[in-house]
Amino acid sequence: MSAGRFRVRAAERKDASLILSFIRELADYEKLGDQVSATVEKLLASLFAEPAFAEVLIAEAVADNGAMEAAGFALYFHNYSTFLGQPGIFLEDLFVRPAFRGLGIGVGLLRELAKKTIEKNCGRLDWMVLDWNEPAIDFYHSIGARRVDGFMPYRLSGDALQRLAQSGQNG
């Protein structure tokens, strides 16, 4: 693999199984593989619907023989900052396959996402990182990202989500 020879493109419907493989590889890396319930069908229904709930960038590295090899992905969606009064972009997942790390692909994916953030007049690009993932934390610091202190992520899902949705009546 030649250093720096890659391209980033928008994902297409035909990439759904590739996206699922990236999701599974990322989950395994994060020691969360048992939590993946995504399927190709779910991805098709959510990523390529009208409107789409999220978007994906695919990075492809150019092999020495000129063939393109899937190297990584970034999955993102729009959010909104009431404080800025502007939309933003939230990067849900960024993953580069181990064989392609160190070639600038992660920076390339984030660069394309930064361009989209600016083109769409978004005020910021946000994401989360696992607290034990030192290589990712170091990488993010190297590109100028900073940790947002004072906030803790929360999640409501599964049975707890169902219970809350079905509890009581409004008003």
N, C-alpha and C. Protein backbone atom coordinates (compact mmCIF):
# COMPACT_ATOMS: atom_id res chain seq x y z
N MET A 1 0.85 -1.18 0.00
CA MET A 1 0.00 0.00 0.00
C MET A 1 0.89 1.23 0.00
N SER A 2 0.66 2.14 -0.91
CA SER A 2 1.43 3.37 -0.98
C SER A 2 0.83 4.42 -0.04
N ALA A 3 1.69 5.07 0.71
CA ALA A 3 1.22 6.07 1.68
C ALA A 3 0.49 7.21 0.97
N GLY A 4 -0.66 7.58 1.54
CA GLY A 4 -1.38 8.75 1.08
C GLY A 4 -2.23 8.56 -0.16
N ARG A 5 -2.30 7.36 -0.72
CA ARG A 5 -3.08 7.14 -1.93
C ARG A 5 -4.42 6.55 -1.57
N PHE A 6 -5.39 7.44 -1.40
CA PHE A 6 -6.74 6.99 -1.06
C PHE A 6 -7.72 8.05 -1.54
N ARG A 7 -8.99 7.65 -1.55
CA ARG A 7 -10.05 8.61 -1.87
C ARG A 7 -11.17 8.42 -0.87
N VAL A 8 -11.96 9.47 -0.69
CA VAL A 8 -13.12 9.42 0.18
C VAL A 8 -14.33 9.74 -0.68
N ARG A 9 -15.37 8.92 -0.54
CA ARG A 9 -16.58 9.11 -1.33
C ARG A 9 -17.80 8.87 -0.46
N ALA A 10 -18.94 9.38 -0.92
CA ALA A 10 -20.20 9.13 -0.24
C ALA A 10 -20.61 7.68 -0.46
N ALA A 11 -21.14 7.05 0.57
CA ALA A 11 -21.61 5.68 0.45
C ALA A 11 -22.86 5.62 -0.42
N GLU A 12 -23.05 4.48 -1.05
CA GLU A 12 -24.22 4.22 -1.88
C GLU A 12 -24.93 2.98 -1.33
N ARG A 13 -26.16 2.76 -1.80
CA ARG A 13 -26.95 1.59 -1.34
C ARG A 13 -26.15 0.30 -1.45
N LYS A 14 -25.39 0.15 -2.51
CA LYS A 14 -24.63 -1.08 -2.72
C LYS A 14 -23.56 -1.30 -1.66
N ASP A 15 -23.28 -0.27 -0.83
CA ASP A 15 -22.26 -0.36 0.22
C ASP A 15 -22.81 -0.84 1.56
N ALA A 16 -24.10 -1.16 1.63
CA ALA A 16 -24.71 -1.50 2.92
C ALA A 16 -23.99 -2.66 3.62
N SER A 17 -23.65 -3.70 2.90
CA SER A 17 -22.97 -4.83 3.56
C SER A 17 -21.55 -4.44 3.98
N LEU A 18 -20.90 -3.60 3.20
CA LEU A 18 -19.57 -3.10 3.58
C LEU A 18 -19.67 -2.25 4.85
N ILE A 19 -20.66 -1.39 4.92
CA ILE A 19 -20.86 -0.56 6.11
C ILE A 19 -21.09 -1.45 7.33
N LEU A 20 -21.91 -2.48 7.17
CA LEU A 20 -22.14 -3.40 8.28
C LEU A 20 -20.85 -4.09 8.71
N SER A 21 -20.00 -4.45 7.77
CA SER A 21 -18.73 -5.08 8.14
C SER A 21 -17.84 -4.09 8.90
N PHE A 22 -17.83 -2.82 8.49
CA PHE A 22 -17.07 -1.81 9.25
C PHE A 22 -17.64 -1.68 10.66
N ILE A 23 -18.95 -1.64 10.79
CA ILE A 23 -19.59 -1.51 12.11
C ILE A 23 -19.18 -2.68 13.00
N ARG A 24 -19.20 -3.88 12.45
CA ARG A 24 -18.83 -5.06 13.25
C ARG A 24 -17.35 -5.03 13.63
N GLU A 25 -16.49 -4.61 12.71
CA GLU A 25 -15.06 -4.52 13.02
C GLU A 25 -14.80 -3.48 14.10
N LEU A 26 -15.49 -2.34 14.01
CA LEU A 26 -15.34 -1.30 15.03
C LEU A 26 -15.83 -1.82 16.37
N ALA A 27 -16.99 -2.46 16.39
CA ALA A 27 -17.53 -3.00 17.64
C ALA A 27 -16.58 -4.01 18.27
N ASP A 28 -15.98 -4.86 17.45
CA ASP A 28 -15.01 -5.82 17.98
C ASP A 28 -13.81 -5.10 18.58
N TYR A 29 -13.31 -4.08 17.89
CA TYR A 29 -12.18 -3.29 18.40
C TYR A 29 -12.53 -2.65 19.74
N GLU A 30 -13.77 -2.17 19.86
CA GLU A 30 -14.20 -1.50 21.08
C GLU A 30 -14.69 -2.48 22.15
N LYS A 31 -14.55 -3.78 21.87
CA LYS A 31 -14.97 -4.84 22.80
C LYS A 31 -16.48 -4.78 23.05
N LEU A 32 -17.23 -4.42 22.00
CA LEU A 32 -18.68 -4.29 22.10
C LEU A 32 -19.39 -5.10 21.02
N GLY A 33 -18.71 -6.08 20.48
CA GLY A 33 -19.25 -6.86 19.38
C GLY A 33 -20.58 -7.51 19.67
N ASP A 34 -20.81 -7.88 20.92
CA ASP A 34 -22.07 -8.53 21.27
C ASP A 34 -23.26 -7.57 21.27
N GLN A 35 -23.01 -6.28 21.09
CA GLN A 35 -24.08 -5.29 21.11
C GLN A 35 -24.60 -4.92 19.72
N VAL A 36 -23.98 -5.44 18.68
CA VAL A 36 -24.38 -5.09 17.32
C VAL A 36 -25.62 -5.89 16.91
N SER A 37 -26.70 -5.18 16.65
CA SER A 37 -27.91 -5.82 16.13
C SER A 37 -28.26 -5.27 14.75
N ALA A 38 -27.41 -4.42 14.21
CA ALA A 38 -27.63 -3.86 12.87
C ALA A 38 -27.62 -4.98 11.84
N THR A 39 -28.42 -4.79 10.80
CA THR A 39 -28.46 -5.70 9.66
C THR A 39 -28.37 -4.87 8.39
N VAL A 40 -28.11 -5.53 7.29
CA VAL A 40 -28.10 -4.84 6.00
C VAL A 40 -29.46 -4.18 5.77
N GLU A 41 -30.53 -4.89 6.08
CA GLU A 41 -31.88 -4.36 5.88
C GLU A 41 -32.11 -3.09 6.70
N LYS A 42 -31.68 -3.11 7.98
CA LYS A 42 -31.83 -1.93 8.83
C LYS A 42 -31.02 -0.76 8.27
N LEU A 43 -29.82 -1.03 7.80
CA LEU A 43 -28.98 0.04 7.25
C LEU A 43 -29.60 0.62 5.98
N LEU A 44 -30.12 -0.25 5.12
CA LEU A 44 -30.77 0.24 3.91
C LEU A 44 -31.96 1.12 4.26
N ALA A 45 -32.75 0.72 5.26
CA ALA A 45 -33.95 1.45 5.63
C ALA A 45 -33.65 2.77 6.33
N SER A 46 -32.49 2.90 6.96
CA SER A 46 -32.20 4.13 7.70
C SER A 46 -31.17 5.04 7.03
N LEU A 47 -30.21 4.46 6.34
CA LEU A 47 -29.16 5.27 5.72
C LEU A 47 -29.52 5.72 4.30
N PHE A 48 -30.40 4.98 3.64
CA PHE A 48 -30.70 5.28 2.24
C PHE A 48 -32.19 5.54 2.02
N ALA A 49 -32.89 5.88 3.09
CA ALA A 49 -34.31 6.22 3.02
C ALA A 49 -34.43 7.70 2.65
N GLU A 50 -35.65 8.14 2.42
CA GLU A 50 -35.93 9.56 2.22
C GLU A 50 -36.84 10.04 3.33
N PRO A 51 -36.40 10.83 4.26
CA PRO A 51 -35.02 11.30 4.39
C PRO A 51 -34.14 10.25 5.07
N ALA A 52 -32.86 10.35 4.83
CA ALA A 52 -31.90 9.46 5.48
C ALA A 52 -31.68 9.95 6.91
N PHE A 53 -31.52 9.02 7.83
CA PHE A 53 -31.29 9.38 9.23
C PHE A 53 -29.82 9.66 9.51
N ALA A 54 -28.94 9.17 8.64
CA ALA A 54 -27.51 9.39 8.79
C ALA A 54 -26.87 9.23 7.42
N GLU A 55 -25.62 9.64 7.32
CA GLU A 55 -24.87 9.52 6.08
C GLU A 55 -23.54 8.85 6.36
N VAL A 56 -22.92 8.32 5.32
CA VAL A 56 -21.66 7.59 5.49
C VAL A 56 -20.67 8.02 4.41
N LEU A 57 -19.44 8.19 4.84
CA LEU A 57 -18.31 8.37 3.92
C LEU A 57 -17.50 7.09 3.95
N ILE A 58 -17.05 6.68 2.78
CA ILE A 58 -16.21 5.48 2.65
C ILE A 58 -14.83 5.92 2.16
N ALA A 59 -13.80 5.42 2.81
CA ALA A 59 -12.43 5.66 2.36
C ALA A 59 -11.94 4.40 1.65
N GLU A 60 -11.38 4.62 0.48
CA GLU A 60 -10.81 3.51 -0.29
C GLU A 60 -9.35 3.82 -0.58
N ALA A 61 -8.50 2.86 -0.27
CA ALA A 61 -7.07 3.01 -0.52
C ALA A 61 -6.74 2.40 -1.88
N VAL A 62 -5.77 2.98 -2.54
CA VAL A 62 -5.34 2.48 -3.83
C VAL A 62 -4.21 1.49 -3.60
N ALA A 63 -4.44 0.25 -3.99
CA ALA A 63 -3.41 -0.79 -3.88
C ALA A 63 -2.34 -0.53 -4.93
N ASP A 64 -1.19 -1.17 -4.76
CA ASP A 64 -0.09 -1.00 -5.71
C ASP A 64 -0.48 -1.40 -7.12
N ASN A 65 -1.45 -2.30 -7.26
CA ASN A 65 -1.90 -2.72 -8.60
C ASN A 65 -3.00 -1.81 -9.15
N GLY A 66 -3.35 -0.74 -8.39
CA GLY A 66 -4.36 0.22 -8.83
C GLY A 66 -5.77 -0.09 -8.39
N ALA A 67 -6.00 -1.26 -7.83
CA ALA A 67 -7.34 -1.62 -7.36
C ALA A 67 -7.68 -0.82 -6.10
N MET A 68 -8.97 -0.57 -5.90
CA MET A 68 -9.43 0.15 -4.71
C MET A 68 -9.81 -0.86 -3.63
N GLU A 69 -9.35 -0.62 -2.41
CA GLU A 69 -9.67 -1.49 -1.28
C GLU A 69 -10.36 -0.67 -0.20
N ALA A 70 -11.47 -1.18 0.33
CA ALA A 70 -12.19 -0.49 1.39
C ALA A 70 -11.29 -0.40 2.63
N ALA A 71 -11.06 0.82 3.09
CA ALA A 71 -10.11 1.04 4.18
C ALA A 71 -10.74 1.57 5.46
N GLY A 72 -11.84 2.32 5.34
CA GLY A 72 -12.44 2.89 6.53
C GLY A 72 -13.74 3.59 6.21
N PHE A 73 -14.39 4.07 7.28
CA PHE A 73 -15.66 4.76 7.09
C PHE A 73 -15.89 5.77 8.20
N ALA A 74 -16.78 6.71 7.92
CA ALA A 74 -17.27 7.66 8.91
C ALA A 74 -18.78 7.74 8.75
N LEU A 75 -19.50 7.53 9.84
CA LEU A 75 -20.96 7.60 9.82
C LEU A 75 -21.35 8.80 10.67
N TYR A 76 -22.18 9.70 10.12
CA TYR A 76 -22.52 10.94 10.79
C TYR A 76 -23.97 11.33 10.54
N PHE A 77 -24.45 12.25 11.37
CA PHE A 77 -25.80 12.77 11.20
C PHE A 77 -25.84 14.21 11.70
N HIS A 78 -26.91 14.90 11.38
CA HIS A 78 -27.05 16.29 11.80
C HIS A 78 -27.69 16.38 13.17
N ASN A 79 -27.23 17.34 13.94
CA ASN A 79 -27.83 17.67 15.23
C ASN A 79 -28.04 19.18 15.24
N TYR A 80 -28.33 19.74 16.38
CA TYR A 80 -28.60 21.17 16.45
C TYR A 80 -28.10 21.72 17.77
N SER A 81 -27.43 22.86 17.70
CA SER A 81 -26.97 23.55 18.90
C SER A 81 -27.88 24.74 19.16
N THR A 82 -28.63 24.68 20.25
CA THR A 82 -29.47 25.82 20.60
C THR A 82 -28.61 27.01 21.00
N PHE A 83 -27.45 26.76 21.61
CA PHE A 83 -26.59 27.85 22.04
C PHE A 83 -26.03 28.61 20.84
N LEU A 84 -25.67 27.89 19.78
CA LEU A 84 -25.17 28.54 18.57
C LEU A 84 -26.29 29.01 17.66
N GLY A 85 -27.46 28.36 17.79
CA GLY A 85 -28.55 28.64 16.86
C GLY A 85 -28.22 28.15 15.47
N GLN A 86 -27.48 27.04 15.40
CA GLN A 86 -27.04 26.47 14.13
C GLN A 86 -27.08 24.95 14.19
N PRO A 87 -27.22 24.34 13.02
CA PRO A 87 -27.07 22.88 13.00
C PRO A 87 -25.61 22.51 13.22
N GLY A 88 -25.41 21.26 13.53
CA GLY A 88 -24.07 20.72 13.67
C GLY A 88 -24.04 19.34 13.05
N ILE A 89 -22.89 18.73 13.10
CA ILE A 89 -22.73 17.35 12.64
C ILE A 89 -22.17 16.55 13.79
N PHE A 90 -22.77 15.37 14.01
CA PHE A 90 -22.28 14.45 15.02
C PHE A 90 -21.71 13.23 14.32
N LEU A 91 -20.45 12.98 14.57
CA LEU A 91 -19.76 11.81 14.03
C LEU A 91 -20.04 10.64 14.97
N GLU A 92 -20.85 9.70 14.51
CA GLU A 92 -21.20 8.55 15.34
C GLU A 92 -20.07 7.53 15.36
N ASP A 93 -19.50 7.24 14.20
CA ASP A 93 -18.43 6.24 14.11
C ASP A 93 -17.38 6.67 13.10
N LEU A 94 -16.14 6.44 13.48
CA LEU A 94 -14.99 6.61 12.58
C LEU A 94 -14.13 5.37 12.78
N PHE A 95 -13.81 4.70 11.68
CA PHE A 95 -13.01 3.48 11.80
C PHE A 95 -12.15 3.33 10.56
N VAL A 96 -10.88 3.03 10.80
CA VAL A 96 -9.94 2.69 9.73
C VAL A 96 -9.40 1.30 10.05
N ARG A 97 -9.49 0.42 9.07
CA ARG A 97 -8.99 -0.94 9.27
C ARG A 97 -7.51 -0.91 9.63
N PRO A 98 -7.08 -1.79 10.54
CA PRO A 98 -5.69 -1.76 11.01
C PRO A 98 -4.64 -1.75 9.91
N ALA A 99 -4.85 -2.48 8.84
CA ALA A 99 -3.85 -2.53 7.76
C ALA A 99 -3.66 -1.19 7.07
N PHE A 100 -4.62 -0.27 7.26
CA PHE A 100 -4.57 1.01 6.56
C PHE A 100 -4.28 2.18 7.48
N ARG A 101 -4.03 1.92 8.73
CA ARG A 101 -3.72 3.00 9.67
C ARG A 101 -2.34 3.56 9.39
N GLY A 102 -2.19 4.84 9.67
CA GLY A 102 -0.91 5.51 9.46
C GLY A 102 -0.73 6.04 8.04
N LEU A 103 -1.76 5.92 7.21
CA LEU A 103 -1.67 6.41 5.83
C LEU A 103 -2.39 7.74 5.63
N GLY A 104 -2.94 8.29 6.71
CA GLY A 104 -3.65 9.56 6.62
C GLY A 104 -5.14 9.42 6.32
N ILE A 105 -5.65 8.19 6.36
CA ILE A 105 -7.04 7.95 6.00
C ILE A 105 -8.00 8.52 7.05
N GLY A 106 -7.67 8.37 8.32
CA GLY A 106 -8.52 8.94 9.38
C GLY A 106 -8.60 10.46 9.24
N VAL A 107 -7.47 11.09 9.02
CA VAL A 107 -7.46 12.55 8.82
C VAL A 107 -8.25 12.90 7.56
N GLY A 108 -8.11 12.09 6.52
CA GLY A 108 -8.84 12.34 5.27
C GLY A 108 -10.34 12.27 5.47
N LEU A 109 -10.81 11.28 6.21
CA LEU A 109 -12.24 11.18 6.51
C LEU A 109 -12.71 12.39 7.32
N LEU A 110 -11.95 12.78 8.33
CA LEU A 110 -12.34 13.93 9.14
C LEU A 110 -12.25 15.23 8.34
N ARG A 111 -11.29 15.33 7.43
CA ARG A 111 -11.18 16.53 6.59
C ARG A 111 -12.43 16.68 5.72
N GLU A 112 -12.88 15.58 5.12
CA GLU A 112 -14.10 15.63 4.30
C GLU A 112 -15.31 16.01 5.15
N LEU A 113 -15.35 15.49 6.37
CA LEU A 113 -16.46 15.81 7.26
C LEU A 113 -16.38 17.27 7.71
N ALA A 114 -15.19 17.79 7.94
CA ALA A 114 -15.02 19.21 8.29
C ALA A 114 -15.49 20.09 7.13
N LYS A 115 -15.16 19.70 5.90
CA LYS A 115 -15.62 20.46 4.73
C LYS A 115 -17.14 20.47 4.66
N LYS A 116 -17.77 19.32 4.89
CA LYS A 116 -19.23 19.24 4.87
C LYS A 116 -19.83 20.10 5.98
N THR A 117 -19.20 20.11 7.14
CA THR A 117 -19.67 20.91 8.26
C THR A 117 -19.69 22.39 7.87
N ILE A 118 -18.63 22.84 7.24
CA ILE A 118 -18.54 24.25 6.82
C ILE A 118 -19.49 24.53 5.66
N GLU A 119 -19.53 23.65 4.65
CA GLU A 119 -20.40 23.86 3.49
C GLU A 119 -21.87 23.96 3.89
N LYS A 120 -22.27 23.23 4.92
CA LYS A 120 -23.68 23.22 5.35
C LYS A 120 -23.95 24.26 6.43
N ASN A 121 -22.98 25.16 6.65
CA ASN A 121 -23.10 26.23 7.64
C ASN A 121 -23.39 25.69 9.03
N CYS A 122 -22.77 24.57 9.35
CA CYS A 122 -22.90 23.99 10.69
C CYS A 122 -21.89 24.66 11.61
N GLY A 123 -22.26 24.78 12.87
CA GLY A 123 -21.41 25.46 13.83
C GLY A 123 -20.32 24.62 14.45
N ARG A 124 -20.48 23.29 14.40
CA ARG A 124 -19.46 22.44 15.03
C ARG A 124 -19.61 21.00 14.59
N LEU A 125 -18.54 20.26 14.83
CA LEU A 125 -18.46 18.83 14.56
C LEU A 125 -18.14 18.17 15.90
N ASP A 126 -19.03 17.29 16.35
CA ASP A 126 -18.89 16.64 17.65
C ASP A 126 -18.76 15.14 17.49
N TRP A 127 -18.17 14.49 18.48
CA TRP A 127 -18.12 13.03 18.57
C TRP A 127 -17.73 12.64 19.98
N MET A 128 -17.82 11.35 20.27
CA MET A 128 -17.38 10.82 21.56
C MET A 128 -16.31 9.77 21.30
N VAL A 129 -15.50 9.53 22.31
CA VAL A 129 -14.47 8.51 22.24
C VAL A 129 -14.45 7.76 23.57
N LEU A 130 -14.21 6.46 23.49
CA LEU A 130 -14.11 5.67 24.72
C LEU A 130 -12.90 6.13 25.53
N ASP A 131 -13.07 6.23 26.83
CA ASP A 131 -12.02 6.80 27.68
C ASP A 131 -10.73 5.98 27.69
N TRP A 132 -10.78 4.72 27.32
CA TRP A 132 -9.58 3.88 27.31
C TRP A 132 -8.86 3.88 25.96
N ASN A 133 -9.45 4.50 24.95
CA ASN A 133 -8.91 4.43 23.59
C ASN A 133 -7.85 5.51 23.38
N GLU A 134 -6.69 5.32 24.00
CA GLU A 134 -5.60 6.30 23.93
C GLU A 134 -5.14 6.60 22.50
N PRO A 135 -5.02 5.60 21.60
CA PRO A 135 -4.61 5.94 20.24
C PRO A 135 -5.58 6.92 19.57
N ALA A 136 -6.88 6.73 19.77
CA ALA A 136 -7.87 7.64 19.18
C ALA A 136 -7.79 9.01 19.85
N ILE A 137 -7.66 9.04 21.17
CA ILE A 137 -7.57 10.31 21.89
C ILE A 137 -6.35 11.10 21.42
N ASP A 138 -5.22 10.43 21.31
CA ASP A 138 -4.00 11.09 20.83
C ASP A 138 -4.19 11.61 19.41
N PHE A 139 -4.83 10.81 18.56
CA PHE A 139 -5.09 11.22 17.18
C PHE A 139 -5.96 12.47 17.16
N TYR A 140 -7.06 12.47 17.94
CA TYR A 140 -7.95 13.62 17.95
C TYR A 140 -7.25 14.88 18.45
N HIS A 141 -6.41 14.74 19.47
CA HIS A 141 -5.66 15.90 19.95
C HIS A 141 -4.70 16.41 18.87
N SER A 142 -4.15 15.49 18.09
CA SER A 142 -3.17 15.90 17.06
C SER A 142 -3.79 16.75 15.96
N ILE A 143 -5.12 16.63 15.77
CA ILE A 143 -5.76 17.44 14.73
C ILE A 143 -6.41 18.70 15.31
N GLY A 144 -6.23 18.93 16.61
CA GLY A 144 -6.75 20.14 17.23
C GLY A 144 -8.07 20.00 17.95
N ALA A 145 -8.60 18.79 18.05
CA ALA A 145 -9.86 18.58 18.78
C ALA A 145 -9.60 18.70 20.27
N ARG A 146 -10.62 19.11 20.99
CA ARG A 146 -10.49 19.20 22.45
C ARG A 146 -11.63 18.47 23.12
N ARG A 147 -11.33 17.98 24.28
CA ARG A 147 -12.34 17.28 25.09
C ARG A 147 -13.34 18.29 25.65
N VAL A 148 -14.59 17.92 25.69
CA VAL A 148 -15.63 18.78 26.26
C VAL A 148 -15.85 18.32 27.70
N ASP A 149 -15.31 19.07 28.63
CA ASP A 149 -15.44 18.73 30.04
C ASP A 149 -16.82 19.12 30.56
N GLY A 150 -17.25 18.42 31.58
CA GLY A 150 -18.47 18.77 32.26
C GLY A 150 -19.72 18.09 31.73
N PHE A 151 -19.60 17.34 30.66
CA PHE A 151 -20.76 16.64 30.11
C PHE A 151 -20.55 15.14 30.25
N MET A 152 -21.63 14.44 30.56
CA MET A 152 -21.59 12.99 30.65
C MET A 152 -22.67 12.43 29.73
N PRO A 153 -22.32 11.49 28.88
CA PRO A 153 -23.34 10.93 27.99
C PRO A 153 -24.34 10.07 28.77
N TYR A 154 -25.60 10.14 28.35
CA TYR A 154 -26.66 9.30 28.90
C TYR A 154 -27.37 8.63 27.75
N ARG A 155 -28.00 7.50 28.03
CA ARG A 155 -28.71 6.77 26.99
C ARG A 155 -29.95 6.12 27.60
N LEU A 156 -31.03 6.18 26.83
CA LEU A 156 -32.26 5.50 27.19
C LEU A 156 -32.58 4.57 26.03
N SER A 157 -32.66 3.26 26.31
CA SER A 157 -32.91 2.30 25.23
C SER A 157 -33.61 1.07 25.80
N GLY A 158 -33.96 0.17 24.90
CA GLY A 158 -34.53 -1.11 25.29
C GLY A 158 -35.78 -0.98 26.15
N ASP A 159 -35.84 -1.81 27.20
CA ASP A 159 -37.01 -1.85 28.09
C ASP A 159 -37.26 -0.50 28.77
N ALA A 160 -36.20 0.18 29.17
CA ALA A 160 -36.37 1.48 29.84
C ALA A 160 -37.01 2.49 28.90
N LEU A 161 -36.62 2.49 27.65
CA LEU A 161 -37.22 3.37 26.65
C LEU A 161 -38.70 3.05 26.47
N GLN A 162 -39.02 1.75 26.36
CA GLN A 162 -40.40 1.32 26.21
C GLN A 162 -41.25 1.73 27.42
N ARG A 163 -40.71 1.51 28.61
CA ARG A 163 -41.45 1.85 29.83
C ARG A 163 -41.77 3.34 29.88
N LEU A 164 -40.79 4.17 29.57
CA LEU A 164 -41.02 5.62 29.61
C LEU A 164 -42.04 6.04 28.56
N ALA A 165 -41.94 5.49 27.37
CA ALA A 165 -42.86 5.85 26.29
C ALA A 165 -44.29 5.46 26.63
N GLN A 166 -44.45 4.39 27.39
CA GLN A 166 -45.79 3.87 27.67
C GLN A 166 -46.32 4.32 29.04
N SER A 167 -45.53 5.07 29.77
CA SER A 167 -45.95 5.46 31.13
C SER A 167 -46.84 6.70 31.09
N GLY A 168 -47.89 6.68 31.95
CA GLY A 168 -48.74 7.84 32.18
C GLY A 168 -49.29 8.53 30.94
N GLN A 169 -50.00 9.57 31.18
CA GLN A 169 -50.56 10.40 30.12
C GLN A 169 -50.03 11.81 30.28
N ASN A 170 -49.89 12.51 29.19
CA ASN A 170 -49.46 13.91 29.27
C ASN A 170 -50.61 14.77 29.76
N GLY A 171 -50.24 15.81 30.50
CA GLY A 171 -51.19 16.82 30.93
C GLY A 171 -52.16 16.33 31.88
